[in-house]
Amino acid sequence: MKQSPKTNRIENQKMTAERVNGLAAMMGFWAAVGAYLTTGQIIPGVV
């Protein structure tokens, strides 16, 4: 009986989820940078 080697295959749904997560993280980072540059505070309105 011949066994085939198990391949590590990444599912498309997981790839899409990770890509969306990364894009959201980048947007959050740049939003924080923009808020700091324009107001001098990380979260505007919070002392």
C-alpha atoms as a PDB file:
ATOM      1  CA  MET A   1       0.000   0.000   0.000  1.00  0.00           C
ATOM      2  CA  LYS A   2       1.486   3.291  -1.110  1.00  0.00           C
ATOM      3  CA  GLN A   3       0.990   6.343   1.086  1.00  0.00           C
ATOM      4  CA  SER A   4       1.078   9.795  -0.386  1.00  0.00           C
ATOM      5  CA  PRO A   5       2.943  12.493   1.540  1.00  0.00           C
ATOM      6  CA  LYS A   6       0.713  14.935   3.361  1.00  0.00           C
ATOM      7  CA  THR A   7       0.989  18.383   1.837  1.00  0.00           C
ATOM      8  CA  ASN A   8       0.609  21.590   3.798  1.00  0.00           C
ATOM      9  CA  ARG A   9      -2.101  23.424   1.911  1.00  0.00           C
ATOM     10  CA  ILE A  10      -3.490  26.718   3.132  1.00  0.00           C
ATOM     11  CA  GLU A  11      -7.191  27.186   2.570  1.00  0.00           C
ATOM     12  CA  ASN A  12      -8.329  30.201   0.568  1.00  0.00           C
ATOM     13  CA  GLN A  13     -10.675  31.351   3.340  1.00  0.00           C
ATOM     14  CA  LYS A  14      -7.799  31.511   5.819  1.00  0.00           C
ATOM     15  CA  MET A  15      -5.649  33.453   3.381  1.00  0.00           C
ATOM     16  CA  THR A  16      -8.464  35.950   2.814  1.00  0.00           C
ATOM     17  CA  ALA A  17      -9.083  36.308   6.562  1.00  0.00           C
ATOM     18  CA  GLU A  18      -5.414  36.986   7.258  1.00  0.00           C
ATOM     19  CA  ARG A  19      -5.201  39.517   4.427  1.00  0.00           C
ATOM     20  CA  VAL A  20      -8.285  41.401   5.693  1.00  0.00           C
ATOM     21  CA  ASN A  21      -6.900  41.315   9.241  1.00  0.00           C
ATOM     22  CA  GLY A  22      -3.594  42.759   8.053  1.00  0.00           C
ATOM     23  CA  LEU A  23      -5.290  45.521   6.091  1.00  0.00           C
ATOM     24  CA  ALA A  24      -7.433  46.462   9.101  1.00  0.00           C
ATOM     25  CA  ALA A  25      -4.333  46.588  11.309  1.00  0.00           C
ATOM     26  CA  MET A  26      -2.543  48.846   8.828  1.00  0.00           C
ATOM     27  CA  MET A  27      -5.562  51.155   8.622  1.00  0.00           C
ATOM     28  CA  GLY A  28      -5.702  51.370  12.416  1.00  0.00           C
ATOM     29  CA  PHE A  29      -2.010  52.158  12.628  1.00  0.00           C
ATOM     30  CA  TRP A  30      -2.215  54.952  10.071  1.00  0.00           C
ATOM     31  CA  ALA A  31      -5.365  56.317  11.718  1.00  0.00           C
ATOM     32  CA  ALA A  32      -3.465  56.523  15.017  1.00  0.00           C
ATOM     33  CA  VAL A  33      -0.506  58.231  13.320  1.00  0.00           C
ATOM     34  CA  GLY A  34      -2.834  60.705  11.597  1.00  0.00           C
ATOM     35  CA  ALA A  35      -4.653  61.482  14.848  1.00  0.00           C
ATOM     36  CA  TYR A  36      -1.373  62.059  16.645  1.00  0.00           C
ATOM     37  CA  LEU A  37      -0.012  64.323  13.924  1.00  0.00           C
ATOM     38  CA  THR A  38      -3.143  66.464  13.724  1.00  0.00           C
ATOM     39  CA  THR A  39      -4.109  66.663  17.437  1.00  0.00           C
ATOM     40  CA  GLY A  40      -1.026  65.622  19.383  1.00  0.00           C
ATOM     41  CA  GLN A  41      -3.053  62.905  21.125  1.00  0.00           C
ATOM     42  CA  ILE A  42      -3.289  59.209  20.343  1.00  0.00           C
ATOM     43  CA  ILE A  43      -7.018  59.162  21.110  1.00  0.00           C
ATOM     44  CA  PRO A  44      -8.438  62.659  20.531  1.00  0.00           C
ATOM     45  CA  GLY A  45     -10.745  63.838  23.320  1.00  0.00           C
ATOM     46  CA  VAL A  46      -9.344  61.488  25.972  1.00  0.00           C
ATOM     47  CA  VAL A  47      -7.182  63.204  28.559  1.00  0.00           C
END
